[in-house]
Amino acid sequence: MKTLFALLTALIFSFSLSSPPPHVETAEEHISIALRAAACGDIEAGRAAISCYNELLDKEGSEETRLDFDELFLLAKLIEFVSGNEQLSDEWRMCTGEVVLNRVASPEFPDSIEEVIYQEGQYAGVGSDYFRYSLTPSDKCIDAALRLLQGERLMEAHVVFQASSVQGGELYRSFYDPDVGNAFF
């Protein structure tokens, strides 16, 4: 009996030494959770994950950009709405989102992503119930929004228009897809 007890004690002790270390949360894990939440429209989970992400960056004294889940989700939805077709390039999606951010930075447009997207006469259809309540962005559109909010840029800051035909002054970049048509920036 003593031998069996000693054997069990040794087994339990060795098991506790070989168990994995406690889970360490990283900024990347919080971003991953937020992106999954955005893809399924889980606003509360996304907000919580981004809050933890920002707190971790603050704790570490990181210089990385702090994020706002509502901005990420809304920008991703707009990119999906305008340029979400699966066959379009990531560059096309990035340029679509970048126009929104360039407008936010411009004194000629409203000062927030939400105000720019919902500005009257700018993005037809964003006031619809579909856009507001049903549309969930694809992973590609969420990734484009994240990259943009973290500072990645493809165009100059003065590019503030996107249309299906050339309008006004200088043409900065254009895209064509046989099924979707043209996009001019």
N, C-alpha and C. Protein backbone atom coordinates (compact mmCIF):
# COMPACT_ATOMS: atom_id res chain seq x y z
N MET A 1 0.81 -1.19 0.00
CA MET A 1 0.00 0.00 0.00
C MET A 1 0.86 1.26 0.00
N LYS A 2 1.96 1.23 0.82
CA LYS A 2 2.87 2.37 0.85
C LYS A 2 3.50 2.58 -0.52
N THR A 3 3.81 1.49 -1.20
CA THR A 3 4.43 1.58 -2.51
C THR A 3 3.46 2.21 -3.51
N LEU A 4 2.19 1.82 -3.46
CA LEU A 4 1.19 2.38 -4.35
C LEU A 4 1.00 3.88 -4.06
N PHE A 5 0.96 4.27 -2.79
CA PHE A 5 0.83 5.67 -2.39
C PHE A 5 2.03 6.48 -2.90
N ALA A 6 3.21 5.95 -2.72
CA ALA A 6 4.43 6.63 -3.16
C ALA A 6 4.43 6.80 -4.68
N LEU A 7 4.00 5.77 -5.38
CA LEU A 7 3.94 5.82 -6.84
C LEU A 7 2.93 6.87 -7.31
N LEU A 8 1.75 6.92 -6.71
CA LEU A 8 0.75 7.91 -7.06
C LEU A 8 1.23 9.32 -6.75
N THR A 9 1.88 9.52 -5.61
CA THR A 9 2.41 10.83 -5.23
C THR A 9 3.46 11.28 -6.24
N ALA A 10 4.34 10.39 -6.62
CA ALA A 10 5.37 10.73 -7.60
C ALA A 10 4.75 11.07 -8.95
N LEU A 11 3.74 10.31 -9.34
CA LEU A 11 3.07 10.56 -10.61
C LEU A 11 2.39 11.93 -10.60
N ILE A 12 1.67 12.25 -9.53
CA ILE A 12 1.00 13.55 -9.42
C ILE A 12 2.02 14.68 -9.41
N PHE A 13 3.10 14.53 -8.67
CA PHE A 13 4.14 15.56 -8.60
C PHE A 13 4.78 15.78 -9.97
N SER A 14 5.09 14.70 -10.69
CA SER A 14 5.72 14.85 -12.00
C SER A 14 4.74 15.46 -13.00
N PHE A 15 3.43 15.14 -12.89
CA PHE A 15 2.43 15.72 -13.77
C PHE A 15 2.34 17.23 -13.56
N SER A 16 2.39 17.66 -12.31
CA SER A 16 2.29 19.10 -12.04
C SER A 16 3.50 19.85 -12.56
N LEU A 17 4.65 19.20 -12.62
CA LEU A 17 5.84 19.85 -13.16
C LEU A 17 5.78 19.95 -14.69
N SER A 18 5.07 19.01 -15.31
CA SER A 18 5.03 19.00 -16.77
C SER A 18 3.83 19.73 -17.34
N SER A 19 2.95 20.26 -16.50
CA SER A 19 1.78 20.97 -17.02
C SER A 19 2.24 22.28 -17.65
N PRO A 20 1.49 22.75 -18.64
CA PRO A 20 1.91 23.96 -19.36
C PRO A 20 1.84 25.19 -18.46
N PRO A 21 2.62 26.19 -18.79
CA PRO A 21 2.58 27.43 -18.01
C PRO A 21 1.23 28.12 -18.21
N PRO A 22 0.87 29.03 -17.32
CA PRO A 22 -0.40 29.72 -17.48
C PRO A 22 -0.45 30.48 -18.79
N HIS A 23 -1.66 30.63 -19.32
CA HIS A 23 -1.86 31.32 -20.60
C HIS A 23 -1.46 32.79 -20.48
N VAL A 24 -0.65 33.24 -21.40
CA VAL A 24 -0.23 34.64 -21.44
C VAL A 24 -0.95 35.29 -22.61
N GLU A 25 -1.71 36.36 -22.35
CA GLU A 25 -2.43 37.06 -23.40
C GLU A 25 -1.51 38.07 -24.07
N THR A 26 -1.57 38.10 -25.39
CA THR A 26 -0.75 39.04 -26.16
C THR A 26 -1.66 40.00 -26.92
N ALA A 27 -1.08 41.07 -27.37
CA ALA A 27 -1.82 42.03 -28.18
C ALA A 27 -2.37 41.36 -29.43
N GLU A 28 -1.59 40.48 -30.03
CA GLU A 28 -2.03 39.78 -31.25
C GLU A 28 -3.25 38.91 -30.98
N GLU A 29 -3.30 38.28 -29.81
CA GLU A 29 -4.45 37.45 -29.47
C GLU A 29 -5.71 38.31 -29.33
N HIS A 30 -5.58 39.48 -28.72
CA HIS A 30 -6.73 40.36 -28.58
C HIS A 30 -7.21 40.86 -29.94
N ILE A 31 -6.28 41.19 -30.82
CA ILE A 31 -6.65 41.61 -32.17
C ILE A 31 -7.36 40.47 -32.89
N SER A 32 -6.85 39.27 -32.76
CA SER A 32 -7.46 38.11 -33.40
C SER A 32 -8.90 37.91 -32.94
N ILE A 33 -9.13 38.06 -31.64
CA ILE A 33 -10.48 37.94 -31.10
C ILE A 33 -11.37 39.03 -31.66
N ALA A 34 -10.86 40.25 -31.71
CA ALA A 34 -11.64 41.38 -32.24
C ALA A 34 -12.00 41.17 -33.71
N LEU A 35 -11.08 40.65 -34.49
CA LEU A 35 -11.34 40.42 -35.91
C LEU A 35 -12.40 39.34 -36.10
N ARG A 36 -12.32 38.28 -35.30
CA ARG A 36 -13.35 37.23 -35.37
C ARG A 36 -14.70 37.79 -34.96
N ALA A 37 -14.72 38.65 -33.94
CA ALA A 37 -15.97 39.27 -33.49
C ALA A 37 -16.56 40.13 -34.59
N ALA A 38 -15.72 40.89 -35.28
CA ALA A 38 -16.20 41.74 -36.38
C ALA A 38 -16.80 40.90 -37.50
N ALA A 39 -16.18 39.77 -37.80
CA ALA A 39 -16.64 38.91 -38.88
C ALA A 39 -18.01 38.30 -38.61
N CYS A 40 -18.37 38.18 -37.34
CA CYS A 40 -19.70 37.63 -37.03
C CYS A 40 -20.62 38.69 -36.43
N GLY A 41 -20.18 39.93 -36.41
CA GLY A 41 -21.03 41.02 -35.94
C GLY A 41 -21.23 41.06 -34.44
N ASP A 42 -20.32 40.47 -33.68
CA ASP A 42 -20.42 40.47 -32.22
C ASP A 42 -19.75 41.73 -31.67
N ILE A 43 -20.51 42.79 -31.57
CA ILE A 43 -19.99 44.11 -31.20
C ILE A 43 -19.40 44.09 -29.79
N GLU A 44 -20.11 43.51 -28.84
CA GLU A 44 -19.64 43.52 -27.45
C GLU A 44 -18.32 42.77 -27.29
N ALA A 45 -18.20 41.61 -27.92
CA ALA A 45 -16.94 40.85 -27.84
C ALA A 45 -15.81 41.63 -28.49
N GLY A 46 -16.10 42.28 -29.61
CA GLY A 46 -15.09 43.08 -30.30
C GLY A 46 -14.63 44.26 -29.45
N ARG A 47 -15.58 44.94 -28.85
CA ARG A 47 -15.23 46.06 -27.98
C ARG A 47 -14.38 45.61 -26.80
N ALA A 48 -14.75 44.48 -26.20
CA ALA A 48 -13.99 43.97 -25.05
C ALA A 48 -12.57 43.59 -25.46
N ALA A 49 -12.43 42.94 -26.61
CA ALA A 49 -11.10 42.54 -27.08
C ALA A 49 -10.22 43.75 -27.37
N ILE A 50 -10.78 44.76 -28.01
CA ILE A 50 -10.00 45.96 -28.32
C ILE A 50 -9.66 46.71 -27.04
N SER A 51 -10.57 46.72 -26.09
CA SER A 51 -10.28 47.36 -24.80
C SER A 51 -9.09 46.68 -24.12
N CYS A 52 -9.08 45.35 -24.12
CA CYS A 52 -7.95 44.61 -23.54
C CYS A 52 -6.66 44.88 -24.32
N TYR A 53 -6.78 44.95 -25.65
CA TYR A 53 -5.63 45.25 -26.51
C TYR A 53 -5.03 46.60 -26.13
N ASN A 54 -5.88 47.63 -26.05
CA ASN A 54 -5.41 48.97 -25.72
C ASN A 54 -4.81 49.02 -24.31
N GLU A 55 -5.44 48.34 -23.35
CA GLU A 55 -4.91 48.30 -21.98
C GLU A 55 -3.53 47.64 -21.95
N LEU A 56 -3.37 46.57 -22.72
CA LEU A 56 -2.08 45.88 -22.78
C LEU A 56 -1.01 46.79 -23.39
N LEU A 57 -1.36 47.51 -24.45
CA LEU A 57 -0.41 48.45 -25.05
C LEU A 57 -0.02 49.54 -24.05
N ASP A 58 -1.01 50.05 -23.31
CA ASP A 58 -0.73 51.07 -22.30
C ASP A 58 0.19 50.53 -21.21
N LYS A 59 -0.10 49.32 -20.78
CA LYS A 59 0.70 48.68 -19.72
C LYS A 59 2.15 48.49 -20.16
N GLU A 60 2.32 48.12 -21.42
CA GLU A 60 3.66 47.89 -21.97
C GLU A 60 4.34 49.19 -22.39
N GLY A 61 3.60 50.28 -22.40
CA GLY A 61 4.16 51.55 -22.88
C GLY A 61 4.44 51.52 -24.37
N SER A 62 3.66 50.74 -25.10
CA SER A 62 3.87 50.57 -26.54
C SER A 62 3.49 51.82 -27.32
N GLU A 63 4.19 52.04 -28.42
CA GLU A 63 3.90 53.16 -29.31
C GLU A 63 2.88 52.77 -30.39
N GLU A 64 2.43 51.51 -30.40
CA GLU A 64 1.46 51.07 -31.41
C GLU A 64 0.17 51.88 -31.28
N THR A 65 -0.54 52.00 -32.39
CA THR A 65 -1.77 52.77 -32.45
C THR A 65 -2.86 52.09 -31.64
N ARG A 66 -3.55 52.88 -30.80
CA ARG A 66 -4.71 52.38 -30.07
C ARG A 66 -5.87 52.32 -31.05
N LEU A 67 -6.74 51.35 -30.87
CA LEU A 67 -7.84 51.13 -31.80
C LEU A 67 -9.19 51.35 -31.12
N ASP A 68 -10.19 51.59 -31.92
CA ASP A 68 -11.57 51.70 -31.47
C ASP A 68 -12.35 50.67 -32.29
N PHE A 69 -12.98 49.71 -31.61
CA PHE A 69 -13.67 48.64 -32.33
C PHE A 69 -14.79 49.17 -33.21
N ASP A 70 -15.54 50.14 -32.71
CA ASP A 70 -16.66 50.68 -33.50
C ASP A 70 -16.16 51.29 -34.80
N GLU A 71 -15.02 51.98 -34.76
CA GLU A 71 -14.44 52.54 -35.99
C GLU A 71 -13.98 51.42 -36.92
N LEU A 72 -13.31 50.42 -36.37
CA LEU A 72 -12.84 49.28 -37.16
C LEU A 72 -14.01 48.59 -37.85
N PHE A 73 -15.04 48.31 -37.09
CA PHE A 73 -16.20 47.59 -37.62
C PHE A 73 -16.92 48.42 -38.69
N LEU A 74 -17.14 49.70 -38.43
CA LEU A 74 -17.84 50.55 -39.39
C LEU A 74 -17.03 50.74 -40.67
N LEU A 75 -15.73 50.96 -40.53
CA LEU A 75 -14.89 51.10 -41.73
C LEU A 75 -14.87 49.80 -42.53
N ALA A 76 -14.78 48.66 -41.86
CA ALA A 76 -14.80 47.37 -42.55
C ALA A 76 -16.13 47.16 -43.26
N LYS A 77 -17.24 47.56 -42.63
CA LYS A 77 -18.55 47.44 -43.27
C LYS A 77 -18.63 48.32 -44.52
N LEU A 78 -18.10 49.54 -44.44
CA LEU A 78 -18.13 50.42 -45.61
C LEU A 78 -17.29 49.83 -46.75
N ILE A 79 -16.12 49.30 -46.41
CA ILE A 79 -15.27 48.68 -47.43
C ILE A 79 -16.01 47.50 -48.05
N GLU A 80 -16.66 46.69 -47.24
CA GLU A 80 -17.45 45.55 -47.74
C GLU A 80 -18.56 46.04 -48.67
N PHE A 81 -19.26 47.07 -48.26
CA PHE A 81 -20.40 47.61 -48.99
C PHE A 81 -19.99 48.15 -50.36
N VAL A 82 -18.86 48.84 -50.40
CA VAL A 82 -18.42 49.50 -51.63
C VAL A 82 -17.53 48.61 -52.49
N SER A 83 -16.64 47.86 -51.85
CA SER A 83 -15.61 47.10 -52.59
C SER A 83 -15.43 45.68 -52.05
N GLY A 84 -16.48 45.10 -51.56
CA GLY A 84 -16.38 43.80 -50.92
C GLY A 84 -16.41 42.60 -51.85
N ASN A 85 -16.69 42.83 -53.12
CA ASN A 85 -16.73 41.72 -54.07
C ASN A 85 -15.45 40.90 -53.94
N GLU A 86 -15.60 39.61 -53.76
CA GLU A 86 -14.47 38.71 -53.49
C GLU A 86 -13.38 38.78 -54.56
N GLN A 87 -13.75 39.06 -55.81
CA GLN A 87 -12.75 39.05 -56.89
C GLN A 87 -11.93 40.34 -56.96
N LEU A 88 -12.32 41.36 -56.19
CA LEU A 88 -11.57 42.61 -56.21
C LEU A 88 -10.28 42.46 -55.40
N SER A 89 -9.32 43.28 -55.73
CA SER A 89 -8.01 43.18 -55.07
C SER A 89 -8.02 43.82 -53.69
N ASP A 90 -7.07 43.38 -52.87
CA ASP A 90 -6.89 44.00 -51.56
C ASP A 90 -6.54 45.47 -51.71
N GLU A 91 -5.80 45.80 -52.76
CA GLU A 91 -5.43 47.20 -53.01
C GLU A 91 -6.68 48.05 -53.25
N TRP A 92 -7.64 47.53 -53.99
CA TRP A 92 -8.89 48.22 -54.26
C TRP A 92 -9.62 48.47 -52.93
N ARG A 93 -9.70 47.44 -52.10
CA ARG A 93 -10.36 47.58 -50.79
C ARG A 93 -9.64 48.61 -49.92
N MET A 94 -8.32 48.55 -49.90
CA MET A 94 -7.53 49.50 -49.10
C MET A 94 -7.79 50.94 -49.56
N CYS A 95 -7.81 51.16 -50.86
CA CYS A 95 -8.04 52.52 -51.39
C CYS A 95 -9.44 53.01 -51.00
N THR A 96 -10.42 52.14 -51.03
CA THR A 96 -11.77 52.52 -50.63
C THR A 96 -11.79 53.01 -49.18
N GLY A 97 -11.17 52.26 -48.30
CA GLY A 97 -11.12 52.66 -46.90
C GLY A 97 -10.26 53.89 -46.68
N GLU A 98 -9.21 54.00 -47.46
CA GLU A 98 -8.31 55.14 -47.31
C GLU A 98 -8.99 56.46 -47.67
N VAL A 99 -9.90 56.43 -48.63
CA VAL A 99 -10.65 57.64 -48.96
C VAL A 99 -11.40 58.13 -47.73
N VAL A 100 -12.00 57.22 -46.97
CA VAL A 100 -12.72 57.60 -45.75
C VAL A 100 -11.76 58.27 -44.77
N LEU A 101 -10.62 57.65 -44.53
CA LEU A 101 -9.66 58.21 -43.57
C LEU A 101 -9.07 59.53 -44.06
N ASN A 102 -8.86 59.66 -45.36
CA ASN A 102 -8.38 60.94 -45.91
C ASN A 102 -9.43 62.03 -45.71
N ARG A 103 -10.69 61.67 -45.83
CA ARG A 103 -11.75 62.65 -45.59
C ARG A 103 -11.77 63.07 -44.12
N VAL A 104 -11.61 62.13 -43.22
CA VAL A 104 -11.58 62.46 -41.78
C VAL A 104 -10.45 63.46 -41.50
N ALA A 105 -9.32 63.27 -42.16
CA ALA A 105 -8.16 64.14 -41.95
C ALA A 105 -8.29 65.49 -42.64
N SER A 106 -9.18 65.58 -43.62
CA SER A 106 -9.34 66.82 -44.40
C SER A 106 -10.26 67.80 -43.67
N PRO A 107 -9.92 69.09 -43.71
CA PRO A 107 -10.80 70.09 -43.10
C PRO A 107 -12.10 70.29 -43.89
N GLU A 108 -12.19 69.74 -45.09
CA GLU A 108 -13.38 69.89 -45.93
C GLU A 108 -14.48 68.89 -45.63
N PHE A 109 -14.19 67.91 -44.76
CA PHE A 109 -15.13 66.85 -44.46
C PHE A 109 -15.29 66.71 -42.94
N PRO A 110 -16.28 65.94 -42.51
CA PRO A 110 -16.45 65.73 -41.06
C PRO A 110 -15.22 65.10 -40.42
N ASP A 111 -15.18 65.13 -39.08
CA ASP A 111 -13.98 64.75 -38.33
C ASP A 111 -13.96 63.32 -37.78
N SER A 112 -14.91 62.50 -38.14
CA SER A 112 -14.90 61.12 -37.64
C SER A 112 -15.29 60.16 -38.75
N ILE A 113 -14.93 58.91 -38.60
CA ILE A 113 -15.28 57.89 -39.59
C ILE A 113 -16.80 57.79 -39.73
N GLU A 114 -17.49 57.77 -38.61
CA GLU A 114 -18.94 57.67 -38.64
C GLU A 114 -19.57 58.85 -39.37
N GLU A 115 -19.13 60.06 -39.07
CA GLU A 115 -19.69 61.26 -39.72
C GLU A 115 -19.39 61.27 -41.22
N VAL A 116 -18.21 60.84 -41.61
CA VAL A 116 -17.85 60.79 -43.04
C VAL A 116 -18.72 59.77 -43.75
N ILE A 117 -18.87 58.59 -43.19
CA ILE A 117 -19.64 57.53 -43.85
C ILE A 117 -21.11 57.90 -43.97
N TYR A 118 -21.66 58.50 -42.95
CA TYR A 118 -23.08 58.84 -42.96
C TYR A 118 -23.38 60.26 -43.48
N GLN A 119 -22.35 60.97 -43.95
CA GLN A 119 -22.57 62.32 -44.49
C GLN A 119 -23.53 62.23 -45.67
N GLU A 120 -24.54 63.07 -45.63
CA GLU A 120 -25.57 63.06 -46.66
C GLU A 120 -24.97 63.23 -48.05
N GLY A 121 -25.42 62.38 -48.98
CA GLY A 121 -25.01 62.48 -50.36
C GLY A 121 -23.66 61.86 -50.69
N GLN A 122 -23.02 61.20 -49.75
CA GLN A 122 -21.68 60.67 -50.01
C GLN A 122 -21.67 59.17 -50.34
N TYR A 123 -22.22 58.34 -49.49
CA TYR A 123 -22.22 56.89 -49.70
C TYR A 123 -23.66 56.40 -49.74
N ALA A 124 -24.19 56.28 -50.94
CA ALA A 124 -25.59 55.86 -51.11
C ALA A 124 -25.79 54.48 -50.51
N GLY A 125 -26.86 54.34 -49.75
CA GLY A 125 -27.22 53.03 -49.21
C GLY A 125 -26.75 52.76 -47.79
N VAL A 126 -25.87 53.61 -47.25
CA VAL A 126 -25.37 53.32 -45.90
C VAL A 126 -26.42 53.58 -44.82
N GLY A 127 -27.47 54.28 -45.16
CA GLY A 127 -28.55 54.50 -44.20
C GLY A 127 -29.57 53.38 -44.20
N SER A 128 -29.40 52.40 -45.08
CA SER A 128 -30.36 51.31 -45.18
C SER A 128 -30.28 50.37 -43.98
N ASP A 129 -31.38 49.68 -43.74
CA ASP A 129 -31.39 48.68 -42.66
C ASP A 129 -30.35 47.59 -42.94
N TYR A 130 -30.18 47.23 -44.21
CA TYR A 130 -29.18 46.22 -44.56
C TYR A 130 -27.79 46.63 -44.09
N PHE A 131 -27.38 47.86 -44.43
CA PHE A 131 -26.05 48.30 -44.03
C PHE A 131 -25.94 48.39 -42.52
N ARG A 132 -26.91 48.98 -41.90
CA ARG A 132 -26.84 49.23 -40.45
C ARG A 132 -26.93 47.96 -39.61
N TYR A 133 -27.79 47.01 -40.00
CA TYR A 133 -28.09 45.90 -39.10
C TYR A 133 -27.71 44.52 -39.62
N SER A 134 -27.62 44.33 -40.91
CA SER A 134 -27.41 42.99 -41.46
C SER A 134 -26.02 42.74 -42.02
N LEU A 135 -25.41 43.75 -42.58
CA LEU A 135 -24.13 43.58 -43.26
C LEU A 135 -23.02 43.25 -42.27
N THR A 136 -22.33 42.15 -42.52
CA THR A 136 -21.12 41.84 -41.75
C THR A 136 -19.97 41.78 -42.75
N PRO A 137 -18.86 42.40 -42.42
CA PRO A 137 -17.75 42.45 -43.37
C PRO A 137 -16.99 41.13 -43.47
N SER A 138 -16.41 40.91 -44.63
CA SER A 138 -15.57 39.73 -44.85
C SER A 138 -14.23 39.91 -44.15
N ASP A 139 -13.51 38.81 -44.02
CA ASP A 139 -12.18 38.86 -43.40
C ASP A 139 -11.26 39.82 -44.16
N LYS A 140 -11.35 39.82 -45.48
CA LYS A 140 -10.49 40.70 -46.28
C LYS A 140 -10.79 42.17 -46.01
N CYS A 141 -12.05 42.51 -45.86
CA CYS A 141 -12.42 43.91 -45.60
C CYS A 141 -12.04 44.31 -44.18
N ILE A 142 -12.18 43.40 -43.24
CA ILE A 142 -11.76 43.66 -41.86
C ILE A 142 -10.26 43.87 -41.80
N ASP A 143 -9.52 43.03 -42.52
CA ASP A 143 -8.06 43.17 -42.55
C ASP A 143 -7.65 44.51 -43.16
N ALA A 144 -8.32 44.91 -44.22
CA ALA A 144 -8.01 46.21 -44.85
C ALA A 144 -8.27 47.34 -43.86
N ALA A 145 -9.39 47.30 -43.16
CA ALA A 145 -9.72 48.34 -42.18
C ALA A 145 -8.68 48.38 -41.07
N LEU A 146 -8.28 47.22 -40.57
CA LEU A 146 -7.27 47.17 -39.51
C LEU A 146 -5.96 47.76 -39.98
N ARG A 147 -5.51 47.36 -41.15
CA ARG A 147 -4.25 47.87 -41.69
C ARG A 147 -4.28 49.39 -41.82
N LEU A 148 -5.41 49.90 -42.29
CA LEU A 148 -5.55 51.36 -42.45
C LEU A 148 -5.54 52.07 -41.10
N LEU A 149 -6.28 51.52 -40.14
CA LEU A 149 -6.34 52.15 -38.82
C LEU A 149 -5.01 52.07 -38.08
N GLN A 150 -4.17 51.11 -38.47
CA GLN A 150 -2.83 51.01 -37.89
C GLN A 150 -1.82 51.86 -38.65
N GLY A 151 -2.28 52.59 -39.67
CA GLY A 151 -1.41 53.56 -40.32
C GLY A 151 -0.93 53.23 -41.72
N GLU A 152 -1.24 52.06 -42.24
CA GLU A 152 -0.78 51.73 -43.60
C GLU A 152 -1.52 52.59 -44.62
N ARG A 153 -0.80 53.09 -45.61
CA ARG A 153 -1.39 53.94 -46.64
C ARG A 153 -0.86 53.55 -48.02
N LEU A 154 -1.72 53.69 -49.04
CA LEU A 154 -1.36 53.41 -50.42
C LEU A 154 -1.43 54.65 -51.30
N MET A 155 -2.16 55.67 -50.84
CA MET A 155 -2.38 56.86 -51.66
C MET A 155 -1.92 58.11 -50.91
N GLU A 156 -1.98 59.21 -51.60
CA GLU A 156 -1.67 60.50 -51.00
C GLU A 156 -2.86 60.97 -50.16
N ALA A 157 -2.62 61.79 -49.17
CA ALA A 157 -3.67 62.26 -48.26
C ALA A 157 -4.73 63.12 -48.96
N HIS A 158 -4.42 63.70 -50.10
CA HIS A 158 -5.39 64.56 -50.78
C HIS A 158 -6.43 63.78 -51.57
N VAL A 159 -6.32 62.46 -51.67
CA VAL A 159 -7.28 61.66 -52.43
C VAL A 159 -8.52 61.43 -51.55
N VAL A 160 -9.60 62.14 -51.86
CA VAL A 160 -10.79 62.09 -51.02
C VAL A 160 -12.05 61.69 -51.79
N PHE A 161 -11.90 61.26 -53.04
CA PHE A 161 -13.07 60.86 -53.81
C PHE A 161 -12.85 59.50 -54.46
N GLN A 162 -13.95 58.74 -54.52
CA GLN A 162 -14.00 57.48 -55.25
C GLN A 162 -15.30 57.48 -56.03
N ALA A 163 -15.24 57.16 -57.31
CA ALA A 163 -16.44 57.15 -58.14
C ALA A 163 -16.28 56.14 -59.26
N SER A 164 -17.38 55.84 -59.94
CA SER A 164 -17.34 54.89 -61.05
C SER A 164 -17.00 55.57 -62.37
N SER A 165 -16.83 56.89 -62.34
CA SER A 165 -16.39 57.63 -63.52
C SER A 165 -15.41 58.72 -63.07
N VAL A 166 -14.59 59.16 -63.99
CA VAL A 166 -13.62 60.20 -63.66
C VAL A 166 -14.38 61.48 -63.37
N GLN A 167 -14.03 62.11 -62.25
CA GLN A 167 -14.70 63.34 -61.87
C GLN A 167 -13.67 64.39 -61.48
N GLY A 168 -13.86 65.58 -61.97
CA GLY A 168 -13.04 66.71 -61.54
C GLY A 168 -11.59 66.61 -61.98
N GLY A 169 -10.72 66.97 -61.05
CA GLY A 169 -9.31 67.17 -61.33
C GLY A 169 -8.49 65.92 -61.56
N GLU A 170 -7.47 65.80 -60.80
CA GLU A 170 -6.43 64.80 -60.99
C GLU A 170 -6.91 63.38 -60.67
N LEU A 171 -6.61 62.44 -61.56
CA LEU A 171 -6.88 61.02 -61.33
C LEU A 171 -5.64 60.44 -60.67
N TYR A 172 -5.82 59.90 -59.48
CA TYR A 172 -4.68 59.36 -58.75
C TYR A 172 -4.47 57.88 -59.04
N ARG A 173 -5.56 57.10 -59.04
CA ARG A 173 -5.46 55.66 -59.25
C ARG A 173 -6.81 55.16 -59.77
N SER A 174 -6.79 54.14 -60.60
CA SER A 174 -8.04 53.56 -61.07
C SER A 174 -7.94 52.04 -61.08
N PHE A 175 -9.11 51.41 -60.99
CA PHE A 175 -9.20 49.95 -61.03
C PHE A 175 -10.33 49.58 -61.98
N TYR A 176 -10.21 48.40 -62.58
CA TYR A 176 -11.28 47.91 -63.45
C TYR A 176 -11.48 46.43 -63.20
N ASP A 177 -12.73 46.04 -63.13
CA ASP A 177 -13.10 44.63 -63.05
C ASP A 177 -14.24 44.43 -64.04
N PRO A 178 -14.20 43.36 -64.88
CA PRO A 178 -15.23 43.19 -65.89
C PRO A 178 -16.63 43.02 -65.32
N ASP A 179 -16.76 42.50 -64.13
CA ASP A 179 -18.09 42.32 -63.53
C ASP A 179 -18.54 43.51 -62.71
N VAL A 180 -17.60 44.21 -62.09
CA VAL A 180 -17.92 45.32 -61.19
C VAL A 180 -17.86 46.65 -61.91
N GLY A 181 -16.95 46.78 -62.84
CA GLY A 181 -16.78 48.05 -63.56
C GLY A 181 -15.55 48.79 -63.10
N ASN A 182 -15.63 50.11 -63.11
CA ASN A 182 -14.50 50.98 -62.80
C ASN A 182 -14.62 51.58 -61.41
N ALA A 183 -13.46 51.88 -60.86
CA ALA A 183 -13.37 52.71 -59.67
C ALA A 183 -12.22 53.68 -59.90
N PHE A 184 -12.52 54.94 -59.75
CA PHE A 184 -11.52 55.98 -59.95
C PHE A 184 -11.31 56.72 -58.63
N PHE A 185 -10.06 56.92 -58.27
CA PHE A 185 -9.72 57.62 -57.03
C PHE A 185 -8.96 58.88 -57.39
